[in-house]
Amino acid sequence: MKIQWYPGHIAKAERALKEQLKKVDVILEVRDARIPLATYHPQMPTWVGSKAKVLVINRMDMIGPQLRNRWEEWFEAQGETAYFTNASHGKGVDDVAAAVQDAGVKLNQRRFDRGMLPRPVRAVVIGFPNVGKSALINRLLGRRVVDSARRAGVTRSLRWIRISEEIELLDAPGVIPTRISNPENAIKLAICEDIGEAAYDNQVVAAAMIDLLTGMEATDEGLVSISGFKSRYKLDPASINGEDYLHEVAKDRYKGDVERTARQMLNDFRTGVLGQLALEFPPAE
């Protein structure tokens, strides 16, 4: 299944973002902890250039601590510090604020060295739709100033927000590549609701999710467990393929309504009912 989603408001916002980047000192790149690689935007190095960058891996509560440690080590091996957060509850956000503050200190030291007056550091939050950018901004500010919801495409325009005397933050809509060339990444984005629902078929995506997770559990690394499926739906997904599993659960629980079953199963994954389930492991070195 080909999944492509690039609505007009994202194209418009991306053009405006490129203009605003000229004023920005620090980029906060936000990714989804369940799919840190699939939520990497290939344009990011171009946007960052020589600016400071703070890498935020949000939704840390959706993956297990052992896998989180593996990701931290992997990013460190790539030369990056990853700040893991649960922006909805504020966990890890203070460390992100401190990293931005530190970038501001360095910025103003350079300004001082050139005989210029200090000014607030200008930061922008960039990431795919629905990875938690607005929730992060609200936590950094300490009150709700931008709309936040568990679906793609809530933020549609750019807006500068004064966080403190030292930090100004640009809230930007989610950005996504004009084409998603990797179909497996597209499926992962759909499973995690980091892409608009109009772009995909729920039944195909739910079946793919089951196949992906059973395959990950079968690697025997102990980082993914599909026991939540067994306890929730009273059927072991390891015994059959994803499509058959979906139909069996539909027959048993939802009077054969496969679409309703797919929607429910995706929602159970997205809300954590099925447990802490990642869809990616760090690449082998």
C-alpha atoms as a PDB file:
ATOM      1  CA  MET A   1       0.000   0.000   0.000  1.00  0.00           C
ATOM      2  CA  LYS A   2       1.343   3.419  -0.974  1.00  0.00           C
ATOM      3  CA  ILE A   3       0.776   6.099   1.655  1.00  0.00           C
ATOM      4  CA  GLN A   4       1.328   9.723   0.676  1.00  0.00           C
ATOM      5  CA  TRP A   5       0.095  12.765   2.601  1.00  0.00           C
ATOM      6  CA  TYR A   6       1.141  16.347   1.961  1.00  0.00           C
ATOM      7  CA  PRO A   7      -1.828  18.672   2.544  1.00  0.00           C
ATOM      8  CA  GLY A   8      -1.787  22.279   1.375  1.00  0.00           C
ATOM      9  CA  HIS A   9      -1.450  23.789   4.847  1.00  0.00           C
ATOM     10  CA  ILE A  10       1.818  21.891   5.387  1.00  0.00           C
ATOM     11  CA  ALA A  11       3.262  23.058   2.057  1.00  0.00           C
ATOM     12  CA  LYS A  12       2.324  26.650   2.901  1.00  0.00           C
ATOM     13  CA  ALA A  13       3.687  26.408   6.445  1.00  0.00           C
ATOM     14  CA  GLU A  14       6.963  24.902   5.245  1.00  0.00           C
ATOM     15  CA  ARG A  15       7.529  27.858   2.914  1.00  0.00           C
ATOM     16  CA  ALA A  16       6.856  30.273   5.780  1.00  0.00           C
ATOM     17  CA  LEU A  17       9.108  28.233   8.081  1.00  0.00           C
ATOM     18  CA  LYS A  18      12.049  28.554   5.691  1.00  0.00           C
ATOM     19  CA  GLU A  19      11.671  32.341   5.852  1.00  0.00           C
ATOM     20  CA  GLN A  20      11.502  32.382   9.661  1.00  0.00           C
ATOM     21  CA  LEU A  21      14.545  30.111  10.003  1.00  0.00           C
ATOM     22  CA  LYS A  22      16.726  33.096   9.127  1.00  0.00           C
ATOM     23  CA  LYS A  23      15.793  34.574  12.527  1.00  0.00           C
ATOM     24  CA  VAL A  24      16.263  31.348  14.515  1.00  0.00           C
ATOM     25  CA  ASP A  25      19.268  30.450  16.701  1.00  0.00           C
ATOM     26  CA  VAL A  26      18.242  27.006  17.993  1.00  0.00           C
ATOM     27  CA  ILE A  27      16.180  24.199  16.452  1.00  0.00           C
ATOM     28  CA  LEU A  28      14.305  21.787  18.699  1.00  0.00           C
ATOM     29  CA  GLU A  29      13.821  18.672  16.599  1.00  0.00           C
ATOM     30  CA  VAL A  30      11.007  16.526  18.034  1.00  0.00           C
ATOM     31  CA  ARG A  31      10.626  12.844  17.131  1.00  0.00           C
ATOM     32  CA  ASP A  32       8.317  10.030  18.241  1.00  0.00           C
ATOM     33  CA  ALA A  33      10.006   7.593  20.674  1.00  0.00           C
ATOM     34  CA  ARG A  34       8.177   4.659  19.071  1.00  0.00           C
ATOM     35  CA  ILE A  35       9.633   5.514  15.648  1.00  0.00           C
ATOM     36  CA  PRO A  36      12.656   7.820  16.035  1.00  0.00           C
ATOM     37  CA  LEU A  37      13.978   6.946  12.573  1.00  0.00           C
ATOM     38  CA  ALA A  38      10.681   7.172  10.662  1.00  0.00           C
ATOM     39  CA  THR A  39      10.056  10.636  12.194  1.00  0.00           C
ATOM     40  CA  TYR A  40      13.405  11.979  10.979  1.00  0.00           C
ATOM     41  CA  HIS A  41      12.904  14.615   8.274  1.00  0.00           C
ATOM     42  CA  PRO A  42      15.553  14.410   5.510  1.00  0.00           C
ATOM     43  CA  GLN A  43      15.578  18.219   5.237  1.00  0.00           C
ATOM     44  CA  MET A  44      16.653  18.638   8.854  1.00  0.00           C
ATOM     45  CA  PRO A  45      20.413  19.041   8.198  1.00  0.00           C
ATOM     46  CA  THR A  46      19.621  21.787   5.645  1.00  0.00           C
ATOM     47  CA  TRP A  47      17.311  23.597   8.069  1.00  0.00           C
ATOM     48  CA  VAL A  48      19.777  23.334  10.946  1.00  0.00           C
ATOM     49  CA  GLY A  49      22.882  24.375   9.019  1.00  0.00           C
ATOM     50  CA  SER A  50      25.288  25.888  11.537  1.00  0.00           C
ATOM     51  CA  LYS A  51      22.581  26.556  14.155  1.00  0.00           C
ATOM     52  CA  ALA A  52      22.428  24.788  17.498  1.00  0.00           C
ATOM     53  CA  LYS A  53      20.080  21.795  17.646  1.00  0.00           C
ATOM     54  CA  VAL A  54      18.356  20.077  20.562  1.00  0.00           C
ATOM     55  CA  LEU A  55      17.060  16.587  19.754  1.00  0.00           C
ATOM     56  CA  VAL A  56      13.868  15.738  21.660  1.00  0.00           C
ATOM     57  CA  ILE A  57      12.501  12.179  21.624  1.00  0.00           C
ATOM     58  CA  ASN A  58       8.933  12.554  22.878  1.00  0.00           C
ATOM     59  CA  ARG A  59       6.455   9.939  24.133  1.00  0.00           C
ATOM     60  CA  MET A  60       9.131   8.177  26.175  1.00  0.00           C
ATOM     61  CA  ASP A  61       6.291   6.647  28.231  1.00  0.00           C
ATOM     62  CA  MET A  62       5.259   4.601  25.170  1.00  0.00           C
ATOM     63  CA  ILE A  63       8.471   2.528  25.100  1.00  0.00           C
ATOM     64  CA  GLY A  64      10.205   0.442  27.754  1.00  0.00           C
ATOM     65  CA  PRO A  65      13.196   1.792  29.750  1.00  0.00           C
ATOM     66  CA  GLN A  66      15.559  -0.848  28.346  1.00  0.00           C
ATOM     67  CA  LEU A  67      14.840   0.228  24.775  1.00  0.00           C
ATOM     68  CA  ARG A  68      15.089   3.884  25.751  1.00  0.00           C
ATOM     69  CA  ASN A  69      18.606   3.211  27.082  1.00  0.00           C
ATOM     70  CA  ARG A  70      19.504   1.490  23.822  1.00  0.00           C
ATOM     71  CA  TRP A  71      18.327   4.504  21.834  1.00  0.00           C
ATOM     72  CA  GLU A  72      20.266   6.910  24.090  1.00  0.00           C
ATOM     73  CA  GLU A  73      23.432   4.891  23.495  1.00  0.00           C
ATOM     74  CA  TRP A  74      22.774   4.723  19.753  1.00  0.00           C
ATOM     75  CA  PHE A  75      22.252   8.469  19.415  1.00  0.00           C
ATOM     76  CA  GLU A  76      25.351   9.108  21.513  1.00  0.00           C
ATOM     77  CA  ALA A  77      27.310   6.893  19.107  1.00  0.00           C
ATOM     78  CA  GLN A  78      26.029   9.122  16.287  1.00  0.00           C
ATOM     79  CA  GLY A  79      27.385  12.164  18.119  1.00  0.00           C
ATOM     80  CA  GLU A  80      23.988  13.402  19.369  1.00  0.00           C
ATOM     81  CA  THR A  81      22.479  13.889  22.816  1.00  0.00           C
ATOM     82  CA  ALA A  82      18.849  12.751  22.838  1.00  0.00           C
ATOM     83  CA  TYR A  83      16.529  14.347  25.401  1.00  0.00           C
ATOM     84  CA  PHE A  84      13.714  11.916  26.175  1.00  0.00           C
ATOM     85  CA  THR A  85      10.441  13.533  27.242  1.00  0.00           C
ATOM     86  CA  ASN A  86       6.826  12.869  28.043  1.00  0.00           C
ATOM     87  CA  ALA A  87       5.610  16.341  27.143  1.00  0.00           C
ATOM     88  CA  SER A  88       1.999  15.593  28.099  1.00  0.00           C
ATOM     89  CA  HIS A  89       3.081  15.133  31.732  1.00  0.00           C
ATOM     90  CA  GLY A  90       6.156  17.373  31.682  1.00  0.00           C
ATOM     91  CA  LYS A  91       8.742  14.648  32.251  1.00  0.00           C
ATOM     92  CA  GLY A  92      12.183  15.550  30.890  1.00  0.00           C
ATOM     93  CA  VAL A  93      11.077  19.017  29.732  1.00  0.00           C
ATOM     94  CA  ASP A  94      13.286  20.858  32.266  1.00  0.00           C
ATOM     95  CA  ASP A  95      16.366  19.287  30.669  1.00  0.00           C
ATOM     96  CA  VAL A  96      15.219  20.500  27.243  1.00  0.00           C
ATOM     97  CA  ALA A  97      14.709  24.031  28.592  1.00  0.00           C
ATOM     98  CA  ALA A  98      18.193  23.942  30.138  1.00  0.00           C
ATOM     99  CA  ALA A  99      19.717  22.849  26.802  1.00  0.00           C
ATOM    100  CA  VAL A 100      18.020  25.755  24.995  1.00  0.00           C
ATOM    101  CA  GLN A 101      19.119  28.126  27.776  1.00  0.00           C
ATOM    102  CA  ASP A 102      22.706  26.906  27.411  1.00  0.00           C
ATOM    103  CA  ALA A 103      22.557  27.582  23.666  1.00  0.00           C
ATOM    104  CA  GLY A 104      21.371  31.105  24.484  1.00  0.00           C
ATOM    105  CA  VAL A 105      24.312  31.703  26.818  1.00  0.00           C
ATOM    106  CA  LYS A 106      26.731  30.689  24.067  1.00  0.00           C
ATOM    107  CA  LEU A 107      24.889  32.874  21.537  1.00  0.00           C
ATOM    108  CA  ASN A 108      25.109  35.954  23.743  1.00  0.00           C
ATOM    109  CA  GLN A 109      28.747  35.303  24.551  1.00  0.00           C
ATOM    110  CA  ARG A 110      29.464  35.438  20.807  1.00  0.00           C
ATOM    111  CA  ARG A 111      27.399  38.648  20.544  1.00  0.00           C
ATOM    112  CA  PHE A 112      29.316  40.140  23.478  1.00  0.00           C
ATOM    113  CA  ASP A 113      32.636  39.221  21.866  1.00  0.00           C
ATOM    114  CA  ARG A 114      31.554  41.183  18.769  1.00  0.00           C
ATOM    115  CA  GLY A 115      30.490  44.179  20.832  1.00  0.00           C
ATOM    116  CA  MET A 116      26.735  43.475  20.493  1.00  0.00           C
ATOM    117  CA  LEU A 117      24.042  43.609  23.167  1.00  0.00           C
ATOM    118  CA  PRO A 118      22.513  40.360  24.480  1.00  0.00           C
ATOM    119  CA  ARG A 119      19.028  39.314  23.324  1.00  0.00           C
ATOM    120  CA  PRO A 120      16.617  36.399  23.937  1.00  0.00           C
ATOM    121  CA  VAL A 121      17.536  33.179  22.146  1.00  0.00           C
ATOM    122  CA  ARG A 122      15.117  32.400  19.300  1.00  0.00           C
ATOM    123  CA  ALA A 123      14.166  28.750  19.034  1.00  0.00           C
ATOM    124  CA  VAL A 124      11.819  26.826  16.764  1.00  0.00           C
ATOM    125  CA  VAL A 125      10.122  23.482  17.381  1.00  0.00           C
ATOM    126  CA  ILE A 126      10.148  21.289  14.261  1.00  0.00           C
ATOM    127  CA  GLY A 127       8.873  17.761  13.740  1.00  0.00           C
ATOM    128  CA  PHE A 128       6.321  15.556  12.037  1.00  0.00           C
ATOM    129  CA  PRO A 129       2.616  16.127  12.784  1.00  0.00           C
ATOM    130  CA  ASN A 130       1.354  14.764  16.106  1.00  0.00           C
ATOM    131  CA  VAL A 131       4.748  14.051  17.703  1.00  0.00           C
ATOM    132  CA  GLY A 132       3.941  16.350  20.645  1.00  0.00           C
ATOM    133  CA  LYS A 133       5.404  19.712  19.625  1.00  0.00           C
ATOM    134  CA  SER A 134       2.503  21.770  21.007  1.00  0.00           C
ATOM    135  CA  ALA A 135       2.454  19.809  24.269  1.00  0.00           C
ATOM    136  CA  LEU A 136       6.190  20.486  24.625  1.00  0.00           C
ATOM    137  CA  ILE A 137       5.697  24.232  24.067  1.00  0.00           C
ATOM    138  CA  ASN A 138       2.886  24.374  26.624  1.00  0.00           C
ATOM    139  CA  ARG A 139       5.113  22.624  29.178  1.00  0.00           C
ATOM    140  CA  LEU A 140       8.064  24.921  28.447  1.00  0.00           C
ATOM    141  CA  LEU A 141       5.805  27.934  28.974  1.00  0.00           C
ATOM    142  CA  GLY A 142       4.077  26.466  32.021  1.00  0.00           C
ATOM    143  CA  ARG A 143       0.579  27.042  30.699  1.00  0.00           C
ATOM    144  CA  ARG A 144      -1.548  26.102  27.704  1.00  0.00           C
ATOM    145  CA  VAL A 145      -0.986  28.619  24.907  1.00  0.00           C
ATOM    146  CA  VAL A 146      -1.192  26.401  21.825  1.00  0.00           C
ATOM    147  CA  ASP A 147      -3.759  23.771  20.914  1.00  0.00           C
ATOM    148  CA  SER A 148      -2.644  20.204  21.436  1.00  0.00           C
ATOM    149  CA  ALA A 149      -4.505  17.069  20.353  1.00  0.00           C
ATOM    150  CA  ARG A 150      -3.724  13.462  19.520  1.00  0.00           C
ATOM    151  CA  ARG A 151      -4.131  13.807  15.789  1.00  0.00           C
ATOM    152  CA  ALA A 152      -2.116  15.169  12.881  1.00  0.00           C
ATOM    153  CA  GLY A 153      -2.594  18.692  11.573  1.00  0.00           C
ATOM    154  CA  VAL A 154      -3.850  20.649  14.619  1.00  0.00           C
ATOM    155  CA  THR A 155      -1.275  23.463  14.325  1.00  0.00           C
ATOM    156  CA  ARG A 156      -1.662  25.152  10.941  1.00  0.00           C
ATOM    157  CA  SER A 157       0.220  28.450  11.173  1.00  0.00           C
ATOM    158  CA  LEU A 158       3.463  29.823  12.580  1.00  0.00           C
ATOM    159  CA  ARG A 159       3.442  31.819  15.805  1.00  0.00           C
ATOM    160  CA  TRP A 160       6.157  33.368  18.000  1.00  0.00           C
ATOM    161  CA  ILE A 161       5.740  32.867  21.767  1.00  0.00           C
ATOM    162  CA  ARG A 162       7.789  34.469  24.554  1.00  0.00           C
ATOM    163  CA  ILE A 163       8.760  31.668  26.923  1.00  0.00           C
ATOM    164  CA  SER A 164      10.825  33.845  29.282  1.00  0.00           C
ATOM    165  CA  GLU A 165      13.088  36.888  29.251  1.00  0.00           C
ATOM    166  CA  GLU A 166      15.744  34.625  27.714  1.00  0.00           C
ATOM    167  CA  ILE A 167      13.793  32.497  25.207  1.00  0.00           C
ATOM    168  CA  GLU A 168      11.408  33.191  22.295  1.00  0.00           C
ATOM    169  CA  LEU A 169       9.864  30.132  20.672  1.00  0.00           C
ATOM    170  CA  LEU A 170       8.357  29.661  17.226  1.00  0.00           C
ATOM    171  CA  ASP A 171       5.511  27.141  17.115  1.00  0.00           C
ATOM    172  CA  ALA A 172       5.376  25.609  13.630  1.00  0.00           C
ATOM    173  CA  PRO A 173       2.935  23.138  12.070  1.00  0.00           C
ATOM    174  CA  GLY A 174       4.101  19.585  11.569  1.00  0.00           C
ATOM    175  CA  VAL A 175       6.326  19.111   8.553  1.00  0.00           C
ATOM    176  CA  ILE A 176       6.523  15.982   6.462  1.00  0.00           C
ATOM    177  CA  PRO A 177       8.489  15.123   3.304  1.00  0.00           C
ATOM    178  CA  THR A 178       6.677  15.840   0.049  1.00  0.00           C
ATOM    179  CA  ARG A 179       7.077  12.139  -0.714  1.00  0.00           C
ATOM    180  CA  ILE A 180       7.638   9.298   1.749  1.00  0.00           C
ATOM    181  CA  SER A 181       9.930   7.050  -0.245  1.00  0.00           C
ATOM    182  CA  ASN A 182      10.132   4.242   2.335  1.00  0.00           C
ATOM    183  CA  PRO A 183       6.766   2.390   2.457  1.00  0.00           C
ATOM    184  CA  GLU A 184       7.588   0.767   5.804  1.00  0.00           C
ATOM    185  CA  ASN A 185       8.166   4.199   7.332  1.00  0.00           C
ATOM    186  CA  ALA A 186       4.828   5.355   5.915  1.00  0.00           C
ATOM    187  CA  ILE A 187       3.081   2.416   7.593  1.00  0.00           C
ATOM    188  CA  LYS A 188       4.779   3.250  10.911  1.00  0.00           C
ATOM    189  CA  LEU A 189       3.689   6.884  10.645  1.00  0.00           C
ATOM    190  CA  ALA A 190       0.118   5.736  10.025  1.00  0.00           C
ATOM    191  CA  ILE A 191       0.177   3.295  12.964  1.00  0.00           C
ATOM    192  CA  CYS A 192       1.391   6.061  15.291  1.00  0.00           C
ATOM    193  CA  GLU A 193      -1.090   8.601  13.849  1.00  0.00           C
ATOM    194  CA  ASP A 194       1.769  10.877  12.806  1.00  0.00           C
ATOM    195  CA  ILE A 195       0.165  11.266   9.387  1.00  0.00           C
ATOM    196  CA  GLY A 196      -3.371  12.258   8.357  1.00  0.00           C
ATOM    197  CA  GLU A 197      -6.005   9.497   8.565  1.00  0.00           C
ATOM    198  CA  ALA A 198      -7.252  10.248   5.053  1.00  0.00           C
ATOM    199  CA  ALA A 199      -3.968   8.890   3.670  1.00  0.00           C
ATOM    200  CA  TYR A 200      -4.403   5.251   4.637  1.00  0.00           C
ATOM    201  CA  ASP A 201      -6.690   2.236   5.032  1.00  0.00           C
ATOM    202  CA  ASN A 202      -7.191   1.328   8.711  1.00  0.00           C
ATOM    203  CA  GLN A 203      -7.517  -2.390   8.016  1.00  0.00           C
ATOM    204  CA  VAL A 204      -4.299  -2.581   6.013  1.00  0.00           C
ATOM    205  CA  VAL A 205      -2.419  -0.544   8.620  1.00  0.00           C
ATOM    206  CA  ALA A 206      -3.745  -2.554  11.580  1.00  0.00           C
ATOM    207  CA  ALA A 207      -2.792  -5.843   9.898  1.00  0.00           C
ATOM    208  CA  ALA A 208       0.673  -4.459   9.107  1.00  0.00           C
ATOM    209  CA  MET A 209       1.052  -3.373  12.743  1.00  0.00           C
ATOM    210  CA  ILE A 210       0.370  -6.918  13.961  1.00  0.00           C
ATOM    211  CA  ASP A 211       2.857  -8.418  11.509  1.00  0.00           C
ATOM    212  CA  LEU A 212       5.501  -5.834  12.429  1.00  0.00           C
ATOM    213  CA  LEU A 213       5.150  -6.337  16.185  1.00  0.00           C
ATOM    214  CA  THR A 214       5.086 -10.138  16.020  1.00  0.00           C
ATOM    215  CA  GLY A 215       8.250  -9.974  13.894  1.00  0.00           C
ATOM    216  CA  MET A 216       9.930  -7.680  16.419  1.00  0.00           C
ATOM    217  CA  GLU A 217       9.006  -9.923  19.347  1.00  0.00           C
ATOM    218  CA  ALA A 218      10.371 -12.918  17.438  1.00  0.00           C
ATOM    219  CA  THR A 219      13.838 -11.321  17.370  1.00  0.00           C
ATOM    220  CA  ASP A 220      13.996 -12.491  21.009  1.00  0.00           C
ATOM    221  CA  GLU A 221      15.724  -9.324  22.240  1.00  0.00           C
ATOM    222  CA  GLY A 222      13.130  -8.926  24.992  1.00  0.00           C
ATOM    223  CA  LEU A 223      12.442  -5.333  23.984  1.00  0.00           C
ATOM    224  CA  VAL A 224       8.939  -5.877  22.568  1.00  0.00           C
ATOM    225  CA  SER A 225       6.171  -8.042  24.015  1.00  0.00           C
ATOM    226  CA  ILE A 226       2.826  -8.646  22.294  1.00  0.00           C
ATOM    227  CA  SER A 227       1.282 -10.150  25.448  1.00  0.00           C
ATOM    228  CA  GLY A 228      -1.102  -7.158  25.499  1.00  0.00           C
ATOM    229  CA  PHE A 229      -2.732  -8.469  22.320  1.00  0.00           C
ATOM    230  CA  LYS A 230      -3.260 -11.880  23.869  1.00  0.00           C
ATOM    231  CA  SER A 231      -4.823 -10.534  27.053  1.00  0.00           C
ATOM    232  CA  ARG A 232      -6.919  -7.884  25.290  1.00  0.00           C
ATOM    233  CA  TYR A 233      -8.274  -9.938  22.384  1.00  0.00           C
ATOM    234  CA  LYS A 234      -7.922 -13.497  23.785  1.00  0.00           C
ATOM    235  CA  LEU A 235      -5.995 -14.623  20.704  1.00  0.00           C
ATOM    236  CA  ASP A 236      -2.249 -15.056  20.149  1.00  0.00           C
ATOM    237  CA  PRO A 237      -1.155 -12.966  17.127  1.00  0.00           C
ATOM    238  CA  ALA A 238       2.038 -15.012  16.753  1.00  0.00           C
ATOM    239  CA  SER A 239      -0.021 -17.959  15.498  1.00  0.00           C
ATOM    240  CA  ILE A 240      -1.411 -16.293  12.322  1.00  0.00           C
ATOM    241  CA  ASN A 241      -0.683 -13.374  10.005  1.00  0.00           C
ATOM    242  CA  GLY A 242      -1.967  -9.861  10.705  1.00  0.00           C
ATOM    243  CA  GLU A 243      -4.866  -9.888   8.265  1.00  0.00           C
ATOM    244  CA  ASP A 244      -6.201 -13.216   9.524  1.00  0.00           C
ATOM    245  CA  TYR A 245      -5.769 -12.081  13.115  1.00  0.00           C
ATOM    246  CA  LEU A 246      -7.806  -8.951  12.404  1.00  0.00           C
ATOM    247  CA  HIS A 247     -10.627 -11.015  10.873  1.00  0.00           C
ATOM    248  CA  GLU A 248     -10.592 -13.549  13.730  1.00  0.00           C
ATOM    249  CA  VAL A 249     -10.815 -10.827  16.384  1.00  0.00           C
ATOM    250  CA  ALA A 250     -13.580  -9.101  14.385  1.00  0.00           C
ATOM    251  CA  LYS A 251     -15.552 -12.334  14.204  1.00  0.00           C
ATOM    252  CA  ASP A 252     -15.106 -13.054  17.904  1.00  0.00           C
ATOM    253  CA  ARG A 253     -15.663  -9.558  19.362  1.00  0.00           C
ATOM    254  CA  TYR A 254     -17.244  -7.198  16.838  1.00  0.00           C
ATOM    255  CA  LYS A 255     -19.773  -9.301  14.904  1.00  0.00           C
ATOM    256  CA  GLY A 256     -17.420  -9.535  11.933  1.00  0.00           C
ATOM    257  CA  ASP A 257     -16.962  -5.749  11.594  1.00  0.00           C
ATOM    258  CA  VAL A 258     -13.322  -5.665  10.437  1.00  0.00           C
ATOM    259  CA  GLU A 259     -13.183  -1.882  10.020  1.00  0.00           C
ATOM    260  CA  ARG A 260     -14.379  -1.303  13.576  1.00  0.00           C
ATOM    261  CA  THR A 261     -11.867  -3.879  14.809  1.00  0.00           C
ATOM    262  CA  ALA A 262      -9.008  -2.191  12.947  1.00  0.00           C
ATOM    263  CA  ARG A 263      -9.912   1.221  14.353  1.00  0.00           C
ATOM    264  CA  GLN A 264     -10.169  -0.169  17.876  1.00  0.00           C
ATOM    265  CA  MET A 265      -6.877  -2.028  17.612  1.00  0.00           C
ATOM    266  CA  LEU A 266      -5.043   1.051  16.329  1.00  0.00           C
ATOM    267  CA  ASN A 267      -6.568   3.156  19.084  1.00  0.00           C
ATOM    268  CA  ASP A 268      -5.540   0.569  21.694  1.00  0.00           C
ATOM    269  CA  PHE A 269      -1.969   0.774  20.410  1.00  0.00           C
ATOM    270  CA  ARG A 270      -1.958   4.582  20.294  1.00  0.00           C
ATOM    271  CA  THR A 271      -3.317   4.982  23.820  1.00  0.00           C
ATOM    272  CA  GLY A 272      -0.959   2.422  25.357  1.00  0.00           C
ATOM    273  CA  VAL A 273      -3.674  -0.124  26.196  1.00  0.00           C
ATOM    274  CA  LEU A 274      -1.570  -2.860  24.542  1.00  0.00           C
ATOM    275  CA  GLY A 275       1.514  -1.948  26.572  1.00  0.00           C
ATOM    276  CA  GLN A 276       4.775  -0.138  25.843  1.00  0.00           C
ATOM    277  CA  LEU A 277       5.269  -0.999  22.180  1.00  0.00           C
ATOM    278  CA  ALA A 278       7.964   0.472  19.942  1.00  0.00           C
ATOM    279  CA  LEU A 279       7.992  -0.095  16.198  1.00  0.00           C
ATOM    280  CA  GLU A 280      11.760   0.377  15.713  1.00  0.00           C
ATOM    281  CA  PHE A 281      14.985  -0.865  17.223  1.00  0.00           C
ATOM    282  CA  PRO A 282      18.262   1.088  16.996  1.00  0.00           C
ATOM    283  CA  PRO A 283      20.144  -0.004  13.870  1.00  0.00           C
ATOM    284  CA  ALA A 284      22.942  -2.489  14.394  1.00  0.00           C
ATOM    285  CA  GLU A 285      26.365  -0.879  14.280  1.00  0.00           C
END
